[in-house]
Amino acid sequence: MLYPSIDSLMKKIDSKYSLVSVAAKRARDLQDKKDFRMEDYVSEKFVGKALEEIHSGHLSMKERDEKAIYEDE
């Protein structure tokens, strides 16, 4: 069985699309900056580490402001 489970991650972030997006962005950040938020990780890969951070509560999704204009739009 994989850790953390998809069921436990879906309690933290409500959509699979958002979960994948947050984890991918954090994994790229981990790879580039080596800015680890936890002491010990079960996973060796950056995506796994990002998912562990979401599961532990060290990483969450920021709500989007509807009136704001973002750089990626």
PDB file of N, CA and C in Angstrom:
ATOM      1  N   MET A   1       0.838  -1.177   0.000  1.00  0.00           N
ATOM      2  CA  MET A   1       0.000   0.000   0.000  1.00  0.00           C
ATOM      3  C   MET A   1       0.887   1.246   0.000  1.00  0.00           C
ATOM      4  N   LEU A   2       0.456   2.251  -0.728  1.00  0.00           N
ATOM      5  CA  LEU A   2       1.213   3.485  -0.833  1.00  0.00           C
ATOM      6  C   LEU A   2       0.943   4.398   0.355  1.00  0.00           C
ATOM      7  N   TYR A   3       1.950   5.178   0.709  1.00  0.00           N
ATOM      8  CA  TYR A   3       1.805   6.137   1.792  1.00  0.00           C
ATOM      9  C   TYR A   3       2.107   7.521   1.252  1.00  0.00           C
ATOM     10  N   PRO A   4       1.333   8.486   1.533  1.00  0.00           N
ATOM     11  CA  PRO A   4       0.015   8.469   2.177  1.00  0.00           C
ATOM     12  C   PRO A   4      -1.069   8.028   1.196  1.00  0.00           C
ATOM     13  N   SER A   5      -2.158   7.527   1.722  1.00  0.00           N
ATOM     14  CA  SER A   5      -3.224   7.008   0.869  1.00  0.00           C
ATOM     15  C   SER A   5      -4.002   8.161   0.242  1.00  0.00           C
ATOM     16  N   ILE A   6      -4.607   7.888  -0.898  1.00  0.00           N
ATOM     17  CA  ILE A   6      -5.392   8.903  -1.588  1.00  0.00           C
ATOM     18  C   ILE A   6      -6.570   9.353  -0.731  1.00  0.00           C
ATOM     19  N   ASP A   7      -7.134   8.436   0.053  1.00  0.00           N
ATOM     20  CA  ASP A   7      -8.265   8.798   0.910  1.00  0.00           C
ATOM     21  C   ASP A   7      -7.864   9.829   1.965  1.00  0.00           C
ATOM     22  N   SER A   8      -6.704   9.666   2.564  1.00  0.00           N
ATOM     23  CA  SER A   8      -6.272  10.629   3.572  1.00  0.00           C
ATOM     24  C   SER A   8      -5.896  11.964   2.938  1.00  0.00           C
ATOM     25  N   LEU A   9      -5.363  11.940   1.721  1.00  0.00           N
ATOM     26  CA  LEU A   9      -5.018  13.178   1.024  1.00  0.00           C
ATOM     27  C   LEU A   9      -6.262  13.942   0.577  1.00  0.00           C
ATOM     28  N   MET A  10      -7.319  13.218   0.204  1.00  0.00           N
ATOM     29  CA  MET A  10      -8.554  13.860  -0.233  1.00  0.00           C
ATOM     30  C   MET A  10      -9.272  14.559   0.922  1.00  0.00           C
ATOM     31  N   LYS A  11      -8.943  14.214   2.150  1.00  0.00           N
ATOM     32  CA  LYS A  11      -9.490  14.927   3.309  1.00  0.00           C
ATOM     33  C   LYS A  11      -8.814  16.284   3.469  1.00  0.00           C
ATOM     34  N   LYS A  12      -7.595  16.428   2.963  1.00  0.00           N
ATOM     35  CA  LYS A  12      -6.832  17.677   3.065  1.00  0.00           C
ATOM     36  C   LYS A  12      -7.137  18.624   1.904  1.00  0.00           C
ATOM     37  N   ILE A  13      -7.200  18.081   0.682  1.00  0.00           N
ATOM     38  CA  ILE A  13      -7.476  18.858  -0.525  1.00  0.00           C
ATOM     39  C   ILE A  13      -8.622  18.160  -1.248  1.00  0.00           C
ATOM     40  N   ASP A  14      -9.677  18.901  -1.550  1.00  0.00           N
ATOM     41  CA  ASP A  14     -10.935  18.292  -1.962  1.00  0.00           C
ATOM     42  C   ASP A  14     -11.040  17.790  -3.399  1.00  0.00           C
ATOM     43  N   SER A  15     -10.115  18.119  -4.277  1.00  0.00           N
ATOM     44  CA  SER A  15     -10.199  17.584  -5.636  1.00  0.00           C
ATOM     45  C   SER A  15      -8.870  16.964  -6.049  1.00  0.00           C
ATOM     46  N   LYS A  16      -8.967  15.926  -6.847  1.00  0.00           N
ATOM     47  CA  LYS A  16      -7.751  15.240  -7.306  1.00  0.00           C
ATOM     48  C   LYS A  16      -6.917  16.146  -8.204  1.00  0.00           C
ATOM     49  N   TYR A  17      -7.577  16.964  -9.008  1.00  0.00           N
ATOM     50  CA  TYR A  17      -6.849  17.888  -9.876  1.00  0.00           C
ATOM     51  C   TYR A  17      -6.022  18.859  -9.042  1.00  0.00           C
ATOM     52  N   SER A  18      -6.629  19.433  -8.017  1.00  0.00           N
ATOM     53  CA  SER A  18      -5.917  20.374  -7.145  1.00  0.00           C
ATOM     54  C   SER A  18      -4.788  19.679  -6.398  1.00  0.00           C
ATOM     55  N   LEU A  19      -5.031  18.464  -5.961  1.00  0.00           N
ATOM     56  CA  LEU A  19      -4.015  17.695  -5.252  1.00  0.00           C
ATOM     57  C   LEU A  19      -2.785  17.469  -6.137  1.00  0.00           C
ATOM     58  N   VAL A  20      -3.018  17.072  -7.366  1.00  0.00           N
ATOM     59  CA  VAL A  20      -1.922  16.834  -8.305  1.00  0.00           C
ATOM     60  C   VAL A  20      -1.175  18.136  -8.603  1.00  0.00           C
ATOM     61  N   SER A  21      -1.924  19.208  -8.789  1.00  0.00           N
ATOM     62  CA  SER A  21      -1.312  20.498  -9.094  1.00  0.00           C
ATOM     63  C   SER A  21      -0.430  20.996  -7.950  1.00  0.00           C
ATOM     64  N   VAL A  22      -0.936  20.936  -6.726  1.00  0.00           N
ATOM     65  CA  VAL A  22      -0.174  21.381  -5.557  1.00  0.00           C
ATOM     66  C   VAL A  22       1.062  20.510  -5.356  1.00  0.00           C
ATOM     67  N   ALA A  23       0.889  19.195  -5.468  1.00  0.00           N
ATOM     68  CA  ALA A  23       2.014  18.276  -5.270  1.00  0.00           C
ATOM     69  C   ALA A  23       3.088  18.471  -6.334  1.00  0.00           C
ATOM     70  N   ALA A  24       2.685  18.687  -7.587  1.00  0.00           N
ATOM     71  CA  ALA A  24       3.660  18.870  -8.669  1.00  0.00           C
ATOM     72  C   ALA A  24       4.453  20.162  -8.482  1.00  0.00           C
ATOM     73  N   LYS A  25       3.772  21.233  -8.125  1.00  0.00           N
ATOM     74  CA  LYS A  25       4.471  22.501  -7.906  1.00  0.00           C
ATOM     75  C   LYS A  25       5.440  22.398  -6.741  1.00  0.00           C
ATOM     76  N   ARG A  26       5.010  21.739  -5.667  1.00  0.00           N
ATOM     77  CA  ARG A  26       5.886  21.589  -4.505  1.00  0.00           C
ATOM     78  C   ARG A  26       7.069  20.677  -4.826  1.00  0.00           C
ATOM     79  N   ALA A  27       6.838  19.623  -5.614  1.00  0.00           N
ATOM     80  CA  ALA A  27       7.925  18.712  -5.987  1.00  0.00           C
ATOM     81  C   ALA A  27       8.987  19.446  -6.794  1.00  0.00           C
ATOM     82  N   ARG A  28       8.567  20.308  -7.724  1.00  0.00           N
ATOM     83  CA  ARG A  28       9.535  21.103  -8.486  1.00  0.00           C
ATOM     84  C   ARG A  28      10.307  22.044  -7.569  1.00  0.00           C
ATOM     85  N   ASP A  29       9.612  22.631  -6.602  1.00  0.00           N
ATOM     86  CA  ASP A  29      10.259  23.531  -5.652  1.00  0.00           C
ATOM     87  C   ASP A  29      11.272  22.775  -4.791  1.00  0.00           C
ATOM     88  N   LEU A  30      10.913  21.576  -4.356  1.00  0.00           N
ATOM     89  CA  LEU A  30      11.839  20.749  -3.568  1.00  0.00           C
ATOM     90  C   LEU A  30      13.079  20.400  -4.382  1.00  0.00           C
ATOM     91  N   GLN A  31      12.871  20.063  -5.628  1.00  0.00           N
ATOM     92  CA  GLN A  31      13.985  19.679  -6.492  1.00  0.00           C
ATOM     93  C   GLN A  31      14.923  20.854  -6.748  1.00  0.00           C
ATOM     94  N   ASP A  32      14.364  22.035  -6.950  1.00  0.00           N
ATOM     95  CA  ASP A  32      15.180  23.208  -7.270  1.00  0.00           C
ATOM     96  C   ASP A  32      15.854  23.821  -6.049  1.00  0.00           C
ATOM     97  N   LYS A  33      15.102  23.979  -4.967  1.00  0.00           N
ATOM     98  CA  LYS A  33      15.597  24.741  -3.818  1.00  0.00           C
ATOM     99  C   LYS A  33      16.034  23.898  -2.623  1.00  0.00           C
ATOM    100  N   LYS A  34      15.662  22.623  -2.596  1.00  0.00           N
ATOM    101  CA  LYS A  34      15.996  21.736  -1.468  1.00  0.00           C
ATOM    102  C   LYS A  34      15.493  22.322  -0.143  1.00  0.00           C
ATOM    103  N   ASP A  35      14.321  22.946  -0.177  1.00  0.00           N
ATOM    104  CA  ASP A  35      13.722  23.588   0.993  1.00  0.00           C
ATOM    105  C   ASP A  35      12.748  22.601   1.658  1.00  0.00           C
ATOM    106  N   PHE A  36      13.270  21.700   2.464  1.00  0.00           N
ATOM    107  CA  PHE A  36      12.456  20.662   3.082  1.00  0.00           C
ATOM    108  C   PHE A  36      11.759  21.192   4.332  1.00  0.00           C
ATOM    109  N   ARG A  37      10.480  20.856   4.483  1.00  0.00           N
ATOM    110  CA  ARG A  37       9.697  21.328   5.628  1.00  0.00           C
ATOM    111  C   ARG A  37       9.610  20.306   6.742  1.00  0.00           C
ATOM    112  N   MET A  38       9.985  19.070   6.460  1.00  0.00           N
ATOM    113  CA  MET A  38       9.921  18.008   7.463  1.00  0.00           C
ATOM    114  C   MET A  38      11.325  17.445   7.686  1.00  0.00           C
ATOM    115  N   GLU A  39      11.502  16.797   8.819  1.00  0.00           N
ATOM    116  CA  GLU A  39      12.805  16.195   9.146  1.00  0.00           C
ATOM    117  C   GLU A  39      13.017  14.869   8.417  1.00  0.00           C
ATOM    118  N   ASP A  40      12.008  13.985   8.494  1.00  0.00           N
ATOM    119  CA  ASP A  40      12.126  12.640   7.911  1.00  0.00           C
ATOM    120  C   ASP A  40      11.000  12.402   6.916  1.00  0.00           C
ATOM    121  N   TYR A  41      11.346  11.769   5.807  1.00  0.00           N
ATOM    122  CA  TYR A  41      10.382  11.404   4.780  1.00  0.00           C
ATOM    123  C   TYR A  41      10.459   9.894   4.557  1.00  0.00           C
ATOM    124  N   VAL A  42       9.323   9.291   4.239  1.00  0.00           N
ATOM    125  CA  VAL A  42       9.284   7.878   3.880  1.00  0.00           C
ATOM    126  C   VAL A  42       9.737   7.717   2.435  1.00  0.00           C
ATOM    127  N   SER A  43       9.292   8.614   1.575  1.00  0.00           N
ATOM    128  CA  SER A  43       9.580   8.542   0.148  1.00  0.00           C
ATOM    129  C   SER A  43      10.959   9.113  -0.181  1.00  0.00           C
ATOM    130  N   GLU A  44      11.562   8.568  -1.210  1.00  0.00           N
ATOM    131  CA  GLU A  44      12.834   9.072  -1.708  1.00  0.00           C
ATOM    132  C   GLU A  44      12.618  10.102  -2.814  1.00  0.00           C
ATOM    133  N   LYS A  45      11.449  10.050  -3.475  1.00  0.00           N
ATOM    134  CA  LYS A  45      11.188  10.925  -4.620  1.00  0.00           C
ATOM    135  C   LYS A  45      10.502  12.218  -4.176  1.00  0.00           C
ATOM    136  N   PHE A  46      10.676  13.260  -4.982  1.00  0.00           N
ATOM    137  CA  PHE A  46      10.170  14.577  -4.621  1.00  0.00           C
ATOM    138  C   PHE A  46       8.646  14.642  -4.597  1.00  0.00           C
ATOM    139  N   VAL A  47       7.974  13.965  -5.511  1.00  0.00           N
ATOM    140  CA  VAL A  47       6.506  13.964  -5.512  1.00  0.00           C
ATOM    141  C   VAL A  47       5.990  13.282  -4.251  1.00  0.00           C
ATOM    142  N   GLY A  48       6.601  12.188  -3.871  1.00  0.00           N
ATOM    143  CA  GLY A  48       6.217  11.491  -2.640  1.00  0.00           C
ATOM    144  C   GLY A  48       6.429  12.366  -1.417  1.00  0.00           C
ATOM    145  N   LYS A  49       7.526  13.100  -1.403  1.00  0.00           N
ATOM    146  CA  LYS A  49       7.802  14.009  -0.289  1.00  0.00           C
ATOM    147  C   LYS A  49       6.755  15.118  -0.227  1.00  0.00           C
ATOM    148  N   ALA A  50       6.361  15.641  -1.390  1.00  0.00           N
ATOM    149  CA  ALA A  50       5.329  16.675  -1.436  1.00  0.00           C
ATOM    150  C   ALA A  50       3.996  16.135  -0.909  1.00  0.00           C
ATOM    151  N   LEU A  51       3.647  14.916  -1.288  1.00  0.00           N
ATOM    152  CA  LEU A  51       2.409  14.302  -0.793  1.00  0.00           C
ATOM    153  C   LEU A  51       2.466  14.064   0.712  1.00  0.00           C
ATOM    154  N   GLU A  52       3.615  13.699   1.226  1.00  0.00           N
ATOM    155  CA  GLU A  52       3.769  13.533   2.671  1.00  0.00           C
ATOM    156  C   GLU A  52       3.594  14.866   3.403  1.00  0.00           C
ATOM    157  N   GLU A  53       4.091  15.945   2.807  1.00  0.00           N
ATOM    158  CA  GLU A  53       3.923  17.265   3.417  1.00  0.00           C
ATOM    159  C   GLU A  53       2.452  17.674   3.448  1.00  0.00           C
ATOM    160  N   ILE A  54       1.710  17.347   2.399  1.00  0.00           N
ATOM    161  CA  ILE A  54       0.274  17.628   2.380  1.00  0.00           C
ATOM    162  C   ILE A  54      -0.420  16.815   3.459  1.00  0.00           C
ATOM    163  N   HIS A  55      -0.070  15.544   3.552  1.00  0.00           N
ATOM    164  CA  HIS A  55      -0.687  14.644   4.535  1.00  0.00           C
ATOM    165  C   HIS A  55      -0.425  15.103   5.973  1.00  0.00           C
ATOM    166  N   SER A  56       0.780  15.589   6.238  1.00  0.00           N
ATOM    167  CA  SER A  56       1.137  15.989   7.599  1.00  0.00           C
ATOM    168  C   SER A  56       0.616  17.376   7.968  1.00  0.00           C
ATOM    169  N   GLY A  57       0.136  18.132   6.978  1.00  0.00           N
ATOM    170  CA  GLY A  57      -0.377  19.468   7.255  1.00  0.00           C
ATOM    171  C   GLY A  57       0.649  20.569   7.090  1.00  0.00           C
ATOM    172  N   HIS A  58       1.861  20.232   6.658  1.00  0.00           N
ATOM    173  CA  HIS A  58       2.894  21.235   6.423  1.00  0.00           C
ATOM    174  C   HIS A  58       2.645  22.018   5.133  1.00  0.00           C
ATOM    175  N   LEU A  59       1.785  21.479   4.274  1.00  0.00           N
ATOM    176  CA  LEU A  59       1.503  22.099   2.991  1.00  0.00           C
ATOM    177  C   LEU A  59       0.001  22.024   2.743  1.00  0.00           C
ATOM    178  N   SER A  60      -0.584  23.141   2.338  1.00  0.00           N
ATOM    179  CA  SER A  60      -2.010  23.143   2.033  1.00  0.00           C
ATOM    180  C   SER A  60      -2.256  24.001   0.798  1.00  0.00           C
ATOM    181  N   MET A  61      -3.474  23.951   0.306  1.00  0.00           N
ATOM    182  CA  MET A  61      -3.819  24.703  -0.883  1.00  0.00           C
ATOM    183  C   MET A  61      -4.376  26.061  -0.469  1.00  0.00           C
ATOM    184  N   LYS A  62      -3.882  27.107  -1.100  1.00  0.00           N
ATOM    185  CA  LYS A  62      -4.342  28.454  -0.823  1.00  0.00           C
ATOM    186  C   LYS A  62      -5.590  28.729  -1.661  1.00  0.00           C
ATOM    187  N   GLU A  63      -6.610  29.299  -1.033  1.00  0.00           N
ATOM    188  CA  GLU A  63      -7.827  29.627  -1.767  1.00  0.00           C
ATOM    189  C   GLU A  63      -7.554  30.756  -2.740  1.00  0.00           C
ATOM    190  N   ARG A  64      -8.163  30.682  -3.866  1.00  0.00           N
ATOM    191  CA  ARG A  64      -7.941  31.651  -4.935  1.00  0.00           C
ATOM    192  C   ARG A  64      -8.887  32.832  -4.778  1.00  0.00           C
ATOM    193  N   ASP A  65      -8.360  34.040  -4.918  1.00  0.00           N
ATOM    194  CA  ASP A  65      -9.155  35.254  -4.872  1.00  0.00           C
ATOM    195  C   ASP A  65      -9.712  35.512  -6.272  1.00  0.00           C
ATOM    196  N   GLU A  66     -11.022  35.550  -6.402  1.00  0.00           N
ATOM    197  CA  GLU A  66     -11.662  35.693  -7.710  1.00  0.00           C
ATOM    198  C   GLU A  66     -11.353  37.028  -8.376  1.00  0.00           C
ATOM    199  N   LYS A  67     -11.099  38.078  -7.601  1.00  0.00           N
ATOM    200  CA  LYS A  67     -10.869  39.405  -8.162  1.00  0.00           C
ATOM    201  C   LYS A  67      -9.415  39.647  -8.554  1.00  0.00           C
ATOM    202  N   ALA A  68      -8.515  38.808  -8.060  1.00  0.00           N
ATOM    203  CA  ALA A  68      -7.092  39.023  -8.322  1.00  0.00           C
ATOM    204  C   ALA A  68      -6.701  38.548  -9.722  1.00  0.00           C
ATOM    205  N   ILE A  69      -5.674  39.165 -10.275  1.00  0.00           N
ATOM    206  CA  ILE A  69      -5.118  38.746 -11.553  1.00  0.00           C
ATOM    207  C   ILE A  69      -3.778  38.085 -11.278  1.00  0.00           C
ATOM    208  N   TYR A  70      -3.628  36.838 -11.692  1.00  0.00           N
ATOM    209  CA  TYR A  70      -2.438  36.063 -11.405  1.00  0.00           C
ATOM    210  C   TYR A  70      -1.485  36.086 -12.596  1.00  0.00           C
ATOM    211  N   GLU A  71      -0.216  35.869 -12.330  1.00  0.00           N
ATOM    212  CA  GLU A  71       0.820  35.922 -13.359  1.00  0.00           C
ATOM    213  C   GLU A  71       0.628  34.885 -14.455  1.00  0.00           C
ATOM    214  N   ASP A  72       0.067  33.726 -14.121  1.00  0.00           N
ATOM    215  CA  ASP A  72      -0.037  32.642 -15.091  1.00  0.00           C
ATOM    216  C   ASP A  72      -1.306  32.741 -15.953  1.00  0.00           C
ATOM    217  N   GLU A  73      -2.033  33.824 -15.870  1.00  0.00           N
ATOM    218  CA  GLU A  73      -3.260  33.960 -16.672  1.00  0.00           C
ATOM    219  C   GLU A  73      -3.047  34.858 -17.853  1.00  0.00           C
TER     220      GLU A  73
END
